[in-house]
Amino acid sequence: MKGLTWMVLLPAASLLGCMGSGNDPPALVTSENAAKLQTRQWALKSISTDGSQAVMDMQANMTLVFGADGRVTGYGSVNRFNGAYSFSRDGKLSWPGPGFITTRKAGPPELMEKERAYLEALPKTDRAILQKHALQLENEGESTLLLFTEAGAP
């Protein structure tokens, strides 16, 4: 694993707290305000499932883009993926359909494992919280938590 850089993940509250400003409080994403997160590329910074945080690989480029058409696309560190999403008026995030469609490239085992964890965790989330250049996807009880920052944001 020569050349790989590892980092320990920050707690969710600290990442959102660092990314926002006092003028831009966190907001639950709903069907009414979903345009605020659409067409922006989100880069995964941390993932936590069942209360344990994964160690992120700096070479594991994992992204997410919510399209205005109800489609989501992204990169899982080795493969591209796409699927469907929707937000309700009360902020419920749904991932309709049979799941994500992915390309079928093979990669280093450690990156394939990170990709698998990401693509399994993503559809477990059922709400999104947006604060300026940070996005948090979580499920009720926060047993699954994904933190993103906007790619290219300051």
Protein backbone atom coordinates (compact mmCIF):
# COMPACT_ATOMS: atom_id res chain seq x y z
CA MET A 1 0.00 0.00 0.00
CA LYS A 2 2.90 2.29 -0.62
CA GLY A 3 1.83 5.76 -1.59
CA LEU A 4 -1.63 5.61 0.03
CA THR A 5 -2.55 8.27 2.52
CA TRP A 6 -5.11 7.51 5.23
CA MET A 7 -7.09 9.87 7.38
CA VAL A 8 -9.36 9.41 10.34
CA LEU A 9 -12.80 10.87 9.86
CA LEU A 10 -14.14 13.86 11.72
CA PRO A 11 -17.44 13.67 13.58
CA ALA A 12 -20.41 14.89 11.57
CA ALA A 13 -21.12 17.91 13.71
CA SER A 14 -17.59 19.22 13.42
CA LEU A 15 -17.51 18.94 9.62
CA LEU A 16 -20.84 20.71 9.16
CA GLY A 17 -19.83 23.28 11.76
CA CYS A 18 -16.59 24.03 9.93
CA MET A 19 -18.15 24.24 6.50
CA GLY A 20 -21.00 26.58 7.26
CA SER A 21 -21.17 30.10 8.51
CA GLY A 22 -23.38 31.79 11.03
CA ASN A 23 -25.34 33.32 8.13
CA ASP A 24 -26.08 29.96 6.52
CA PRO A 25 -27.72 27.60 9.04
CA PRO A 26 -28.15 23.89 8.21
CA ALA A 27 -31.35 23.19 6.26
CA LEU A 28 -33.26 19.97 5.72
CA VAL A 29 -33.53 19.33 1.97
CA THR A 30 -37.11 18.94 0.75
CA SER A 31 -38.82 18.82 -2.63
CA GLU A 32 -39.26 22.58 -2.24
CA ASN A 33 -35.56 23.45 -1.88
CA ALA A 34 -33.80 20.48 -3.54
CA ALA A 35 -32.51 22.76 -6.31
CA LYS A 36 -29.94 24.07 -3.80
CA LEU A 37 -28.01 20.79 -3.91
CA GLN A 38 -28.70 19.80 -7.52
CA THR A 39 -26.05 19.88 -10.26
CA ARG A 40 -23.31 20.43 -7.65
CA GLN A 41 -20.66 17.73 -7.37
CA TRP A 42 -20.35 16.42 -3.83
CA ALA A 43 -17.16 14.67 -2.67
CA LEU A 44 -17.50 12.08 0.10
CA LYS A 45 -15.34 12.97 3.11
CA SER A 46 -16.54 10.43 5.67
CA ILE A 47 -18.85 7.50 6.08
CA SER A 48 -20.19 5.97 9.25
CA THR A 49 -22.40 2.89 9.43
CA ASP A 50 -23.74 1.22 12.55
CA GLY A 51 -21.82 3.66 14.73
CA SER A 52 -18.36 2.93 13.32
CA GLN A 53 -16.46 5.24 11.03
CA ALA A 54 -14.53 3.91 8.08
CA VAL A 55 -11.02 5.11 7.42
CA MET A 56 -11.07 6.95 4.13
CA ASP A 57 -8.43 6.44 1.49
CA MET A 58 -7.32 9.73 -0.01
CA GLN A 59 -7.17 8.03 -3.42
CA ALA A 60 -10.77 6.85 -3.08
CA ASN A 61 -12.46 9.61 -5.06
CA MET A 62 -16.16 9.12 -4.26
CA THR A 63 -18.63 11.64 -5.61
CA LEU A 64 -22.34 12.28 -5.90
CA VAL A 65 -24.39 14.58 -8.16
CA PHE A 66 -28.15 15.05 -7.76
CA GLY A 67 -29.64 15.94 -11.13
CA ALA A 68 -32.71 18.15 -11.49
CA ASP A 69 -34.34 15.24 -13.37
CA GLY A 70 -34.49 12.96 -10.30
CA ARG A 71 -31.39 11.02 -11.34
CA VAL A 72 -28.27 10.69 -9.23
CA THR A 73 -24.82 9.94 -10.63
CA GLY A 74 -21.43 9.54 -9.10
CA TYR A 75 -18.13 7.80 -8.82
CA GLY A 76 -17.50 5.12 -6.22
CA SER A 77 -13.65 5.18 -6.33
CA VAL A 78 -13.40 2.61 -9.15
CA ASN A 79 -16.77 2.59 -10.93
CA ARG A 80 -19.33 5.14 -12.03
CA PHE A 81 -22.91 4.67 -10.86
CA ASN A 82 -26.35 6.13 -11.42
CA GLY A 83 -29.83 5.72 -10.03
CA ALA A 84 -32.93 7.60 -8.97
CA TYR A 85 -33.78 9.74 -5.98
CA SER A 86 -36.65 11.91 -4.75
CA PHE A 87 -37.39 14.26 -1.89
CA SER A 88 -40.81 14.67 -0.31
CA ARG A 89 -42.27 17.96 0.89
CA ASP A 90 -41.42 16.97 4.48
CA GLY A 91 -37.78 16.13 3.68
CA LYS A 92 -37.92 12.36 3.21
CA LEU A 93 -35.18 11.22 0.82
CA SER A 94 -36.06 8.12 -1.21
CA TRP A 95 -33.99 5.99 -3.56
CA PRO A 96 -36.64 4.39 -5.82
CA GLY A 97 -35.88 1.58 -8.21
CA PRO A 98 -33.92 -1.63 -7.99
CA GLY A 99 -30.72 0.09 -6.88
CA PHE A 100 -27.74 1.70 -8.51
CA ILE A 101 -26.45 0.76 -11.93
CA THR A 102 -22.66 0.63 -11.99
CA THR A 103 -19.89 0.08 -14.46
CA ARG A 104 -18.01 -3.18 -13.86
CA LYS A 105 -14.35 -2.20 -13.59
CA ALA A 106 -12.06 -3.96 -11.14
CA GLY A 107 -9.61 -2.10 -8.98
CA PRO A 108 -7.38 -2.51 -5.94
CA PRO A 109 -9.16 -4.54 -3.23
CA GLU A 110 -9.04 -1.70 -0.70
CA LEU A 111 -10.73 0.70 -3.14
CA MET A 112 -13.30 -1.91 -4.15
CA GLU A 113 -14.16 -2.38 -0.46
CA LYS A 114 -14.59 1.38 0.04
CA GLU A 115 -16.81 1.52 -3.04
CA ARG A 116 -18.93 -1.38 -1.80
CA ALA A 117 -19.40 0.29 1.60
CA TYR A 118 -20.35 3.59 -0.07
CA LEU A 119 -22.89 2.07 -2.46
CA GLU A 120 -24.45 0.02 0.35
CA ALA A 121 -24.68 2.98 2.74
CA LEU A 122 -26.05 5.55 0.29
CA PRO A 123 -29.54 4.02 -0.17
CA LYS A 124 -29.88 3.55 3.59
CA THR A 125 -30.04 7.32 4.01
CA ASP A 126 -33.44 8.99 4.17
CA ARG A 127 -32.72 12.69 4.70
CA ALA A 128 -30.26 15.32 3.58
CA ILE A 129 -29.01 18.34 5.49
CA LEU A 130 -27.33 21.10 3.52
CA GLN A 131 -25.15 23.86 4.91
CA LYS A 132 -23.37 26.07 2.40
CA HIS A 133 -20.70 23.77 0.89
CA ALA A 134 -21.39 20.72 3.12
CA LEU A 135 -23.98 17.99 2.68
CA GLN A 136 -24.88 15.36 5.23
CA LEU A 137 -26.92 12.30 4.26
CA GLU A 138 -28.23 10.25 7.15
CA ASN A 139 -30.95 7.91 8.25
CA GLU A 140 -33.20 8.25 11.24
CA GLY A 141 -31.13 7.58 14.33
CA GLU A 142 -27.98 8.46 12.37
CA SER A 143 -26.76 4.84 12.24
CA THR A 144 -25.75 5.63 8.66
CA LEU A 145 -24.08 8.97 8.06
CA LEU A 146 -22.31 10.24 4.94
CA LEU A 147 -20.60 13.62 4.90
CA PHE A 148 -19.76 15.43 1.66
CA THR A 149 -18.22 18.72 0.71
CA GLU A 150 -18.83 20.50 -2.54
CA ALA A 151 -16.03 19.71 -4.98
CA GLY A 152 -13.94 22.80 -5.60
CA ALA A 153 -15.45 24.74 -2.69
CA PRO A 154 -13.13 26.97 -0.68
